[in-house]
Amino acid sequence: MRYRIEQESRRDAFGNYSYRIYNGTQLVARYWHDYRGDDHGIEFVNGKSLPCPGRMTDFIEGGGPEPISLSKRAVMYLDQHLT
């Protein structure tokens, strides 16, 4: 898979989780979700900031003992906004 996601080492002051999304080795976006997973969004490195469709669990998979990854829906979303 050409996109990969990495979790930031700490949460922000509001308890939100943040992640870096790479296309190969190039950082293309930062993704975040609140501590409950109810609200989430993405900010592309070009400065465009957008809400994400669906829920956080529609965008990232894994977590806990499993490595996190982007869902197929997330990859389609990234393809749509990065081309």
N, C-alpha and C. Protein backbone atom coordinates (compact mmCIF):
# COMPACT_ATOMS: atom_id res chain seq x y z
N MET A 1 0.85 -1.18 0.00
CA MET A 1 0.00 0.00 0.00
C MET A 1 0.89 1.23 0.00
N ARG A 2 0.53 2.19 -0.81
CA ARG A 2 1.42 3.35 -0.91
C ARG A 2 1.24 4.34 0.22
N TYR A 3 0.05 4.42 0.84
CA TYR A 3 -0.15 5.31 1.98
C TYR A 3 0.12 4.55 3.27
N ARG A 4 0.69 5.25 4.22
CA ARG A 4 0.85 4.67 5.56
C ARG A 4 0.52 5.73 6.59
N ILE A 5 0.13 5.29 7.75
CA ILE A 5 -0.28 6.19 8.82
C ILE A 5 0.54 5.87 10.06
N GLU A 6 0.97 6.92 10.75
CA GLU A 6 1.73 6.78 12.00
C GLU A 6 1.10 7.66 13.06
N GLN A 7 0.91 7.10 14.23
CA GLN A 7 0.32 7.87 15.33
C GLN A 7 1.37 8.77 15.95
N GLU A 8 0.97 10.01 16.27
CA GLU A 8 1.84 10.93 16.99
C GLU A 8 2.07 10.36 18.39
N SER A 9 3.16 10.71 19.01
CA SER A 9 3.53 10.12 20.30
C SER A 9 2.66 10.59 21.46
N ARG A 10 2.03 11.77 21.34
CA ARG A 10 1.18 12.23 22.45
C ARG A 10 -0.09 12.87 21.93
N ARG A 11 -1.05 13.01 22.82
CA ARG A 11 -2.32 13.62 22.48
C ARG A 11 -2.25 15.11 22.75
N ASP A 12 -3.15 15.89 22.13
CA ASP A 12 -3.14 17.32 22.36
C ASP A 12 -3.84 17.67 23.67
N ALA A 13 -3.95 18.95 23.99
CA ALA A 13 -4.51 19.41 25.26
C ALA A 13 -5.98 19.00 25.44
N PHE A 14 -6.68 18.73 24.36
CA PHE A 14 -8.08 18.33 24.43
C PHE A 14 -8.26 16.81 24.43
N GLY A 15 -7.18 16.08 24.38
CA GLY A 15 -7.24 14.62 24.36
C GLY A 15 -7.40 14.02 22.98
N ASN A 16 -7.29 14.86 21.94
CA ASN A 16 -7.41 14.36 20.57
C ASN A 16 -6.16 13.57 20.18
N TYR A 17 -6.38 12.55 19.39
CA TYR A 17 -5.29 11.75 18.84
C TYR A 17 -4.93 12.32 17.47
N SER A 18 -3.66 12.32 17.14
CA SER A 18 -3.27 12.80 15.82
C SER A 18 -2.30 11.82 15.17
N TYR A 19 -2.32 11.84 13.85
CA TYR A 19 -1.57 10.89 13.04
C TYR A 19 -0.94 11.62 11.85
N ARG A 20 0.15 11.10 11.37
CA ARG A 20 0.78 11.58 10.14
C ARG A 20 0.49 10.57 9.04
N ILE A 21 0.12 11.05 7.87
CA ILE A 21 -0.14 10.17 6.73
C ILE A 21 0.90 10.46 5.66
N TYR A 22 1.53 9.40 5.19
CA TYR A 22 2.59 9.51 4.20
C TYR A 22 2.17 8.82 2.90
N ASN A 23 2.63 9.37 1.79
CA ASN A 23 2.55 8.72 0.49
C ASN A 23 3.98 8.35 0.17
N GLY A 24 4.31 7.09 0.35
CA GLY A 24 5.72 6.69 0.28
C GLY A 24 6.45 7.29 1.46
N THR A 25 7.44 8.13 1.19
CA THR A 25 8.19 8.79 2.28
C THR A 25 7.76 10.23 2.49
N GLN A 26 6.85 10.74 1.66
CA GLN A 26 6.44 12.14 1.73
C GLN A 26 5.20 12.31 2.60
N LEU A 27 5.31 13.21 3.59
CA LEU A 27 4.16 13.56 4.43
C LEU A 27 3.14 14.28 3.57
N VAL A 28 1.89 13.79 3.56
CA VAL A 28 0.85 14.42 2.74
C VAL A 28 -0.29 15.00 3.57
N ALA A 29 -0.46 14.52 4.81
CA ALA A 29 -1.58 15.02 5.62
C ALA A 29 -1.39 14.65 7.08
N ARG A 30 -2.14 15.35 7.90
CA ARG A 30 -2.26 15.02 9.32
C ARG A 30 -3.73 14.74 9.58
N TYR A 31 -4.00 13.63 10.23
CA TYR A 31 -5.36 13.19 10.54
C TYR A 31 -5.52 13.25 12.05
N TRP A 32 -6.71 13.56 12.52
CA TRP A 32 -6.97 13.59 13.96
C TRP A 32 -8.37 13.05 14.24
N HIS A 33 -8.56 12.59 15.48
CA HIS A 33 -9.90 12.27 15.96
C HIS A 33 -9.95 12.55 17.46
N ASP A 34 -11.16 12.82 17.95
CA ASP A 34 -11.29 13.10 19.38
C ASP A 34 -11.15 11.80 20.17
N TYR A 35 -11.10 11.93 21.49
CA TYR A 35 -10.82 10.77 22.34
C TYR A 35 -11.90 9.71 22.26
N ARG A 36 -13.11 10.07 21.85
CA ARG A 36 -14.19 9.09 21.71
C ARG A 36 -14.28 8.53 20.30
N GLY A 37 -13.64 9.19 19.36
CA GLY A 37 -13.73 8.76 17.96
C GLY A 37 -14.97 9.29 17.26
N ASP A 38 -15.68 10.24 17.90
CA ASP A 38 -16.90 10.79 17.31
C ASP A 38 -16.62 11.83 16.24
N ASP A 39 -15.61 12.65 16.44
CA ASP A 39 -15.29 13.73 15.53
C ASP A 39 -13.90 13.48 14.96
N HIS A 40 -13.73 13.76 13.68
CA HIS A 40 -12.42 13.56 13.07
C HIS A 40 -12.28 14.46 11.85
N GLY A 41 -11.03 14.71 11.47
CA GLY A 41 -10.78 15.57 10.33
C GLY A 41 -9.37 15.35 9.81
N ILE A 42 -9.07 16.05 8.72
CA ILE A 42 -7.78 15.89 8.08
C ILE A 42 -7.29 17.25 7.59
N GLU A 43 -6.01 17.47 7.73
CA GLU A 43 -5.38 18.69 7.20
C GLU A 43 -4.25 18.25 6.28
N PHE A 44 -4.36 18.66 5.02
CA PHE A 44 -3.35 18.31 4.04
C PHE A 44 -2.18 19.28 4.15
N VAL A 45 -1.01 18.86 3.73
CA VAL A 45 0.17 19.71 3.86
C VAL A 45 0.07 20.97 3.00
N ASN A 46 -0.82 20.98 2.02
CA ASN A 46 -1.02 22.19 1.21
C ASN A 46 -1.90 23.21 1.93
N GLY A 47 -2.33 22.90 3.17
CA GLY A 47 -3.12 23.83 3.97
C GLY A 47 -4.61 23.58 3.94
N LYS A 48 -5.09 22.73 3.04
CA LYS A 48 -6.52 22.42 2.96
C LYS A 48 -6.92 21.57 4.16
N SER A 49 -7.93 22.03 4.89
CA SER A 49 -8.42 21.31 6.07
C SER A 49 -9.87 20.91 5.82
N LEU A 50 -10.17 19.61 5.97
CA LEU A 50 -11.50 19.09 5.63
C LEU A 50 -12.01 18.15 6.71
N PRO A 51 -13.34 18.08 6.85
CA PRO A 51 -13.89 17.01 7.67
C PRO A 51 -13.78 15.70 6.89
N CYS A 52 -13.81 14.61 7.58
CA CYS A 52 -13.77 13.31 6.93
C CYS A 52 -15.15 12.69 6.94
N PRO A 53 -15.50 11.94 5.92
CA PRO A 53 -16.81 11.30 5.89
C PRO A 53 -16.88 10.13 6.87
N GLY A 54 -18.07 9.81 7.28
CA GLY A 54 -18.26 8.65 8.15
C GLY A 54 -17.71 8.85 9.55
N ARG A 55 -17.29 7.75 10.14
CA ARG A 55 -16.75 7.77 11.50
C ARG A 55 -15.25 7.48 11.45
N MET A 56 -14.59 7.69 12.58
CA MET A 56 -13.17 7.42 12.67
C MET A 56 -12.87 5.97 12.31
N THR A 57 -13.72 5.06 12.72
CA THR A 57 -13.49 3.64 12.44
C THR A 57 -13.68 3.31 10.96
N ASP A 58 -14.27 4.23 10.19
CA ASP A 58 -14.36 4.06 8.74
C ASP A 58 -13.06 4.48 8.06
N PHE A 59 -12.22 5.24 8.78
CA PHE A 59 -11.02 5.81 8.20
C PHE A 59 -9.75 5.04 8.57
N ILE A 60 -9.63 4.67 9.85
CA ILE A 60 -8.46 3.90 10.25
C ILE A 60 -8.90 2.56 10.84
N GLU A 61 -8.03 1.59 10.71
CA GLU A 61 -8.29 0.25 11.22
C GLU A 61 -7.16 -0.16 12.14
N GLY A 62 -7.41 -1.15 12.95
CA GLY A 62 -6.39 -1.65 13.87
C GLY A 62 -6.40 -0.87 15.17
N GLY A 63 -5.28 -0.84 15.82
CA GLY A 63 -5.15 -0.19 17.11
C GLY A 63 -5.08 -1.23 18.21
N GLY A 64 -4.72 -0.80 19.39
CA GLY A 64 -4.51 -1.75 20.48
C GLY A 64 -3.32 -2.62 20.15
N PRO A 65 -3.49 -3.93 20.18
CA PRO A 65 -2.36 -4.82 19.88
C PRO A 65 -2.04 -4.91 18.38
N GLU A 66 -2.97 -4.45 17.52
CA GLU A 66 -2.76 -4.53 16.07
C GLU A 66 -2.21 -3.21 15.54
N PRO A 67 -1.36 -3.24 14.53
CA PRO A 67 -0.87 -2.00 13.94
C PRO A 67 -2.01 -1.24 13.27
N ILE A 68 -1.95 0.08 13.31
CA ILE A 68 -2.99 0.87 12.65
C ILE A 68 -2.70 0.95 11.16
N SER A 69 -3.76 1.08 10.39
CA SER A 69 -3.63 1.23 8.94
C SER A 69 -4.83 2.02 8.44
N LEU A 70 -4.73 2.49 7.22
CA LEU A 70 -5.82 3.21 6.59
C LEU A 70 -6.79 2.22 5.96
N SER A 71 -8.06 2.51 6.06
CA SER A 71 -9.08 1.65 5.44
C SER A 71 -9.10 1.89 3.93
N LYS A 72 -9.77 1.03 3.21
CA LYS A 72 -9.93 1.21 1.77
C LYS A 72 -10.66 2.52 1.48
N ARG A 73 -11.63 2.83 2.31
CA ARG A 73 -12.38 4.09 2.16
C ARG A 73 -11.45 5.29 2.34
N ALA A 74 -10.54 5.21 3.29
CA ALA A 74 -9.59 6.31 3.52
C ALA A 74 -8.66 6.47 2.33
N VAL A 75 -8.21 5.37 1.76
CA VAL A 75 -7.31 5.43 0.60
C VAL A 75 -8.04 6.09 -0.57
N MET A 76 -9.29 5.75 -0.80
CA MET A 76 -10.07 6.37 -1.87
C MET A 76 -10.24 7.86 -1.61
N TYR A 77 -10.50 8.23 -0.35
CA TYR A 77 -10.65 9.63 0.04
C TYR A 77 -9.35 10.39 -0.24
N LEU A 78 -8.22 9.82 0.16
CA LEU A 78 -6.92 10.47 -0.07
C LEU A 78 -6.65 10.61 -1.56
N ASP A 79 -6.89 9.56 -2.33
CA ASP A 79 -6.71 9.63 -3.77
C ASP A 79 -7.53 10.76 -4.38
N GLN A 80 -8.75 10.91 -3.91
CA GLN A 80 -9.65 11.94 -4.44
C GLN A 80 -9.13 13.34 -4.15
N HIS A 81 -8.56 13.55 -2.97
CA HIS A 81 -8.16 14.90 -2.56
C HIS A 81 -6.70 15.22 -2.83
N LEU A 82 -5.92 14.23 -3.21
CA LEU A 82 -4.51 14.48 -3.48
C LEU A 82 -4.17 14.52 -4.96
N THR A 83 -5.13 14.27 -5.81
CA THR A 83 -4.84 14.30 -7.26
C THR A 83 -5.23 15.60 -7.88
